[in-house]
Amino acid sequence: MGTTMLNDFWDANHDVQPHNIEKSSPQVWKPPSNNWLMMNTDAACFANGKTGLGCIIRDSIGSIVTANCKLLETTHDPLVAEALAFRWGLQVALNNGAQNLVAYTDSLSLVKSLQHGGAPSSIHLITQDCLDLLTTFQYFDVSHVRKVANVPAHLLAKHSVVCQNDYWTMSVPNHILQAVMTDILNQ
């Protein structure tokens, strides 16, 4: 089809095009299909000059595969912070063995940049990295998600100011677990 920069890249490098970048905006969390993982990312810029990144990956029944937060020592504008969170989330997903990935961000500007190309210069290289990382998955779907359906990732980004760089696979902080349970109950 070749209607997006990613599709053009994929067409040039592969025979099959099993990928999708959408800009739909789910209002509630919905689990991915069987054999897929779902990644949600978010960023938070703090008044102290630091930036928090949050990433949560869940399976088809909503169980947490990994929940992660990371604190960067510099402030970035919100779009740069969102792009950094998304790129880092893709790396986390790959490190956790994801082959089929549904990837959500609440940055519509980032999704549009991935979809249509022409990313602002502030995120151009980060977007290129994301496109390169996406091609390593067997299948993927990238979409925009409304903030109300991205709460656990948002809470993780905010939590980074406390924990700096951490991840959980079993015992997740209570407020994150409550947000995940709310997602599951509201689906």
C-alpha atoms as a PDB file:
ATOM      1  CA  MET A   1       0.000   0.000   0.000  1.00  0.00           C
ATOM      2  CA  GLY A   2       2.804   2.412   0.857  1.00  0.00           C
ATOM      3  CA  THR A   3       0.647   5.234   2.260  1.00  0.00           C
ATOM      4  CA  THR A   4       2.865   5.890   5.252  1.00  0.00           C
ATOM      5  CA  MET A   5       6.555   6.351   5.762  1.00  0.00           C
ATOM      6  CA  LEU A   6       6.653   3.087   7.708  1.00  0.00           C
ATOM      7  CA  ASN A   7       4.717   1.211   5.045  1.00  0.00           C
ATOM      8  CA  ASP A   8       7.104   2.550   2.390  1.00  0.00           C
ATOM      9  CA  PHE A   9      10.078   1.467   4.493  1.00  0.00           C
ATOM     10  CA  TRP A  10       8.509  -1.941   5.113  1.00  0.00           C
ATOM     11  CA  ASP A  11       7.649  -2.424   1.415  1.00  0.00           C
ATOM     12  CA  ALA A  12      11.226  -1.657   0.445  1.00  0.00           C
ATOM     13  CA  ASN A  13      12.656  -4.164   2.896  1.00  0.00           C
ATOM     14  CA  HIS A  14      10.114  -7.006   3.129  1.00  0.00           C
ATOM     15  CA  ASP A  15       7.803  -9.044   0.923  1.00  0.00           C
ATOM     16  CA  VAL A  16       4.797  -8.973   3.263  1.00  0.00           C
ATOM     17  CA  GLN A  17       3.271  -5.997   5.062  1.00  0.00           C
ATOM     18  CA  PRO A  18       1.721  -7.245   8.321  1.00  0.00           C
ATOM     19  CA  HIS A  19       1.871  -3.909  10.138  1.00  0.00           C
ATOM     20  CA  ASN A  20      -0.496  -1.099  10.880  1.00  0.00           C
ATOM     21  CA  ILE A  21      -0.243   2.422  12.244  1.00  0.00           C
ATOM     22  CA  GLU A  22      -3.610   3.923  13.123  1.00  0.00           C
ATOM     23  CA  LYS A  23      -4.723   7.102  14.774  1.00  0.00           C
ATOM     24  CA  SER A  24      -7.859   5.716  16.396  1.00  0.00           C
ATOM     25  CA  SER A  25      -8.415   6.711  19.986  1.00  0.00           C
ATOM     26  CA  PRO A  26      -9.874   4.065  22.284  1.00  0.00           C
ATOM     27  CA  GLN A  27     -11.585   5.523  25.337  1.00  0.00           C
ATOM     28  CA  VAL A  28     -11.235   2.410  27.476  1.00  0.00           C
ATOM     29  CA  TRP A  29      -8.484  -0.165  27.772  1.00  0.00           C
ATOM     30  CA  LYS A  30      -9.083  -3.290  25.703  1.00  0.00           C
ATOM     31  CA  PRO A  31      -6.816  -6.329  25.851  1.00  0.00           C
ATOM     32  CA  PRO A  32      -4.852  -7.403  22.803  1.00  0.00           C
ATOM     33  CA  SER A  33      -5.646 -10.612  20.928  1.00  0.00           C
ATOM     34  CA  ASN A  34      -4.147 -13.929  22.019  1.00  0.00           C
ATOM     35  CA  ASN A  35      -0.405 -14.181  21.326  1.00  0.00           C
ATOM     36  CA  TRP A  36      -0.111 -10.381  21.279  1.00  0.00           C
ATOM     37  CA  LEU A  37       1.248  -8.022  23.905  1.00  0.00           C
ATOM     38  CA  MET A  38       0.041  -4.473  24.471  1.00  0.00           C
ATOM     39  CA  MET A  39       2.397  -1.633  25.318  1.00  0.00           C
ATOM     40  CA  ASN A  40       1.259   1.722  26.693  1.00  0.00           C
ATOM     41  CA  THR A  41       3.765   4.549  27.148  1.00  0.00           C
ATOM     42  CA  ASP A  42       3.628   8.043  28.574  1.00  0.00           C
ATOM     43  CA  ALA A  43       5.929  10.827  29.717  1.00  0.00           C
ATOM     44  CA  ALA A  44       5.840  13.481  32.429  1.00  0.00           C
ATOM     45  CA  CYS A  45       7.918  16.663  32.544  1.00  0.00           C
ATOM     46  CA  PHE A  46       8.649  17.744  36.116  1.00  0.00           C
ATOM     47  CA  ALA A  47       9.227  21.230  37.488  1.00  0.00           C
ATOM     48  CA  ASN A  48      12.644  20.124  38.833  1.00  0.00           C
ATOM     49  CA  GLY A  49      13.968  19.874  35.263  1.00  0.00           C
ATOM     50  CA  LYS A  50      13.634  16.105  34.934  1.00  0.00           C
ATOM     51  CA  THR A  51      11.497  13.925  32.681  1.00  0.00           C
ATOM     52  CA  GLY A  52       9.750  10.709  33.674  1.00  0.00           C
ATOM     53  CA  LEU A  53       8.973   7.872  31.282  1.00  0.00           C
ATOM     54  CA  GLY A  54       6.405   5.155  31.904  1.00  0.00           C
ATOM     55  CA  CYS A  55       5.806   1.904  30.070  1.00  0.00           C
ATOM     56  CA  ILE A  56       3.478  -0.979  30.856  1.00  0.00           C
ATOM     57  CA  ILE A  57       3.167  -4.181  28.852  1.00  0.00           C
ATOM     58  CA  ARG A  58       0.204  -6.504  29.335  1.00  0.00           C
ATOM     59  CA  ASP A  59      -0.984  -9.750  27.808  1.00  0.00           C
ATOM     60  CA  SER A  60      -4.359 -10.773  26.351  1.00  0.00           C
ATOM     61  CA  ILE A  61      -5.977 -11.265  29.761  1.00  0.00           C
ATOM     62  CA  GLY A  62      -4.643  -7.993  31.151  1.00  0.00           C
ATOM     63  CA  SER A  63      -1.867  -9.475  33.257  1.00  0.00           C
ATOM     64  CA  ILE A  64       1.185  -7.284  33.645  1.00  0.00           C
ATOM     65  CA  VAL A  65       4.210  -8.627  31.789  1.00  0.00           C
ATOM     66  CA  THR A  66       6.316  -5.690  32.964  1.00  0.00           C
ATOM     67  CA  ALA A  67       5.735  -2.206  34.345  1.00  0.00           C
ATOM     68  CA  ASN A  68       8.610   0.260  34.022  1.00  0.00           C
ATOM     69  CA  CYS A  69       9.566   3.780  34.932  1.00  0.00           C
ATOM     70  CA  LYS A  70      12.654   5.738  34.054  1.00  0.00           C
ATOM     71  CA  LEU A  71      13.830   9.184  35.097  1.00  0.00           C
ATOM     72  CA  LEU A  72      15.814  11.331  32.683  1.00  0.00           C
ATOM     73  CA  GLU A  73      17.954  14.097  34.155  1.00  0.00           C
ATOM     74  CA  THR A  74      16.951  16.679  31.546  1.00  0.00           C
ATOM     75  CA  THR A  75      13.731  18.406  30.610  1.00  0.00           C
ATOM     76  CA  HIS A  76      12.325  17.797  27.178  1.00  0.00           C
ATOM     77  CA  ASP A  77       9.387  19.421  25.558  1.00  0.00           C
ATOM     78  CA  PRO A  78       6.323  17.169  25.840  1.00  0.00           C
ATOM     79  CA  LEU A  79       6.520  15.828  22.261  1.00  0.00           C
ATOM     80  CA  VAL A  80      10.192  14.878  22.658  1.00  0.00           C
ATOM     81  CA  ALA A  81       9.399  13.269  26.006  1.00  0.00           C
ATOM     82  CA  GLU A  82       6.523  11.254  24.480  1.00  0.00           C
ATOM     83  CA  ALA A  83       8.743  10.129  21.585  1.00  0.00           C
ATOM     84  CA  LEU A  84      11.497   9.081  23.993  1.00  0.00           C
ATOM     85  CA  ALA A  85       8.976   7.141  26.090  1.00  0.00           C
ATOM     86  CA  PHE A  86       7.633   5.361  22.996  1.00  0.00           C
ATOM     87  CA  ARG A  87      11.112   4.425  21.747  1.00  0.00           C
ATOM     88  CA  TRP A  88      12.092   3.175  25.202  1.00  0.00           C
ATOM     89  CA  GLY A  89       8.826   1.217  25.433  1.00  0.00           C
ATOM     90  CA  LEU A  90       9.596  -0.524  22.134  1.00  0.00           C
ATOM     91  CA  GLN A  91      12.997  -1.519  23.520  1.00  0.00           C
ATOM     92  CA  VAL A  92      11.344  -2.830  26.701  1.00  0.00           C
ATOM     93  CA  ALA A  93       8.866  -4.832  24.604  1.00  0.00           C
ATOM     94  CA  LEU A  94      11.664  -6.385  22.559  1.00  0.00           C
ATOM     95  CA  ASN A  95      13.623  -7.202  25.733  1.00  0.00           C
ATOM     96  CA  ASN A  96      10.529  -9.001  27.031  1.00  0.00           C
ATOM     97  CA  GLY A  97      10.241 -11.191  23.948  1.00  0.00           C
ATOM     98  CA  ALA A  98       7.325  -9.447  22.203  1.00  0.00           C
ATOM     99  CA  GLN A  99       6.797 -10.620  18.651  1.00  0.00           C
ATOM    100  CA  ASN A 100       3.292  -9.263  18.071  1.00  0.00           C
ATOM    101  CA  LEU A 101       2.745  -5.856  19.638  1.00  0.00           C
ATOM    102  CA  VAL A 102      -0.094  -3.378  19.995  1.00  0.00           C
ATOM    103  CA  ALA A 103       1.608  -0.097  20.908  1.00  0.00           C
ATOM    104  CA  TYR A 104      -0.319   2.853  22.344  1.00  0.00           C
ATOM    105  CA  THR A 105       0.693   6.417  23.104  1.00  0.00           C
ATOM    106  CA  ASP A 106      -1.496   9.341  24.069  1.00  0.00           C
ATOM    107  CA  SER A 107       0.517  11.627  21.776  1.00  0.00           C
ATOM    108  CA  LEU A 108      -1.521  12.048  18.621  1.00  0.00           C
ATOM    109  CA  SER A 109       1.295  14.147  17.121  1.00  0.00           C
ATOM    110  CA  LEU A 110       3.692  11.234  17.537  1.00  0.00           C
ATOM    111  CA  VAL A 111       1.263   8.758  15.956  1.00  0.00           C
ATOM    112  CA  LYS A 112       0.721  11.125  13.016  1.00  0.00           C
ATOM    113  CA  SER A 113       4.499  11.493  12.610  1.00  0.00           C
ATOM    114  CA  LEU A 114       4.903   7.713  12.536  1.00  0.00           C
ATOM    115  CA  GLN A 115       1.967   7.383  10.175  1.00  0.00           C
ATOM    116  CA  HIS A 116       2.675  10.133   7.670  1.00  0.00           C
ATOM    117  CA  GLY A 117       6.317  10.997   8.170  1.00  0.00           C
ATOM    118  CA  GLY A 118       7.346  14.614   8.269  1.00  0.00           C
ATOM    119  CA  ALA A 119       8.103  14.510  11.979  1.00  0.00           C
ATOM    120  CA  PRO A 120       9.133  17.810  13.526  1.00  0.00           C
ATOM    121  CA  SER A 121      12.911  18.178  13.633  1.00  0.00           C
ATOM    122  CA  SER A 122      12.853  17.819  17.432  1.00  0.00           C
ATOM    123  CA  ILE A 123      11.717  14.170  17.123  1.00  0.00           C
ATOM    124  CA  HIS A 124      12.827  13.222  13.613  1.00  0.00           C
ATOM    125  CA  LEU A 125      15.721  10.973  14.690  1.00  0.00           C
ATOM    126  CA  ILE A 126      13.733   9.443  17.547  1.00  0.00           C
ATOM    127  CA  THR A 127      10.886   8.700  15.120  1.00  0.00           C
ATOM    128  CA  GLN A 128      13.345   7.035  12.744  1.00  0.00           C
ATOM    129  CA  ASP A 129      14.599   4.882  15.611  1.00  0.00           C
ATOM    130  CA  CYS A 130      10.986   3.928  16.417  1.00  0.00           C
ATOM    131  CA  LEU A 131      10.306   2.972  12.808  1.00  0.00           C
ATOM    132  CA  ASP A 132      13.451   0.836  12.759  1.00  0.00           C
ATOM    133  CA  LEU A 133      12.494  -0.853  16.039  1.00  0.00           C
ATOM    134  CA  LEU A 134       8.936  -1.515  14.830  1.00  0.00           C
ATOM    135  CA  THR A 135      10.228  -3.511  11.865  1.00  0.00           C
ATOM    136  CA  THR A 136      11.831  -6.012  14.258  1.00  0.00           C
ATOM    137  CA  PHE A 137       8.405  -7.198  15.427  1.00  0.00           C
ATOM    138  CA  GLN A 138       6.671  -9.932  13.463  1.00  0.00           C
ATOM    139  CA  TYR A 139       3.421  -7.943  13.590  1.00  0.00           C
ATOM    140  CA  PHE A 140       2.546  -4.647  15.183  1.00  0.00           C
ATOM    141  CA  ASP A 141      -0.198  -2.079  15.457  1.00  0.00           C
ATOM    142  CA  VAL A 142       0.508   1.495  16.597  1.00  0.00           C
ATOM    143  CA  SER A 143      -2.406   3.663  17.677  1.00  0.00           C
ATOM    144  CA  HIS A 144      -3.270   6.788  19.585  1.00  0.00           C
ATOM    145  CA  VAL A 145      -5.080   6.236  22.868  1.00  0.00           C
ATOM    146  CA  ARG A 146      -6.935   8.825  24.922  1.00  0.00           C
ATOM    147  CA  LYS A 147      -5.397   9.750  28.255  1.00  0.00           C
ATOM    148  CA  VAL A 148      -8.263   8.043  30.134  1.00  0.00           C
ATOM    149  CA  ALA A 149      -7.186   4.719  28.600  1.00  0.00           C
ATOM    150  CA  ASN A 150      -3.497   5.330  29.350  1.00  0.00           C
ATOM    151  CA  VAL A 151      -3.606   5.859  33.120  1.00  0.00           C
ATOM    152  CA  PRO A 152      -1.168   3.104  34.247  1.00  0.00           C
ATOM    153  CA  ALA A 153       1.559   4.366  31.873  1.00  0.00           C
ATOM    154  CA  HIS A 154       0.924   7.924  33.055  1.00  0.00           C
ATOM    155  CA  LEU A 155       1.176   6.895  36.708  1.00  0.00           C
ATOM    156  CA  LEU A 156       4.429   5.061  35.988  1.00  0.00           C
ATOM    157  CA  ALA A 157       5.886   8.172  34.314  1.00  0.00           C
ATOM    158  CA  LYS A 158       4.948  10.232  37.371  1.00  0.00           C
ATOM    159  CA  HIS A 159       6.258   7.512  39.724  1.00  0.00           C
ATOM    160  CA  SER A 160       9.719   7.784  38.142  1.00  0.00           C
ATOM    161  CA  VAL A 161      10.425  10.838  40.291  1.00  0.00           C
ATOM    162  CA  VAL A 162      10.274   8.496  43.316  1.00  0.00           C
ATOM    163  CA  CYS A 163      11.865   5.316  41.963  1.00  0.00           C
ATOM    164  CA  GLN A 164      14.047   6.810  39.180  1.00  0.00           C
ATOM    165  CA  ASN A 165      14.692   3.656  37.133  1.00  0.00           C
ATOM    166  CA  ASP A 166      12.766   0.573  38.050  1.00  0.00           C
ATOM    167  CA  TYR A 167      10.665  -2.247  36.685  1.00  0.00           C
ATOM    168  CA  TRP A 168       8.238  -4.736  38.126  1.00  0.00           C
ATOM    169  CA  THR A 169       7.021  -8.071  36.870  1.00  0.00           C
ATOM    170  CA  MET A 170       5.213  -9.406  39.922  1.00  0.00           C
ATOM    171  CA  SER A 171       4.779  -6.920  42.743  1.00  0.00           C
ATOM    172  CA  VAL A 172       3.659  -3.653  41.170  1.00  0.00           C
ATOM    173  CA  PRO A 173       3.160  -0.480  43.263  1.00  0.00           C
ATOM    174  CA  ASN A 174      -0.380  -0.365  44.633  1.00  0.00           C
ATOM    175  CA  HIS A 175      -1.578   2.729  42.774  1.00  0.00           C
ATOM    176  CA  ILE A 176      -0.409   1.237  39.462  1.00  0.00           C
ATOM    177  CA  LEU A 177      -2.086  -2.084  40.233  1.00  0.00           C
ATOM    178  CA  GLN A 178      -5.336  -0.275  41.080  1.00  0.00           C
ATOM    179  CA  ALA A 179      -5.256   1.534  37.720  1.00  0.00           C
ATOM    180  CA  VAL A 180      -4.643  -1.772  35.908  1.00  0.00           C
ATOM    181  CA  MET A 181      -7.541  -3.412  37.757  1.00  0.00           C
ATOM    182  CA  THR A 182      -9.783  -0.460  36.845  1.00  0.00           C
ATOM    183  CA  ASP A 183      -8.831  -0.932  33.177  1.00  0.00           C
ATOM    184  CA  ILE A 184      -9.703  -4.626  33.323  1.00  0.00           C
ATOM    185  CA  LEU A 185     -13.024  -4.016  35.087  1.00  0.00           C
ATOM    186  CA  ASN A 186     -14.049  -1.215  32.683  1.00  0.00           C
ATOM    187  CA  GLN A 187     -13.325  -3.040  29.436  1.00  0.00           C
END
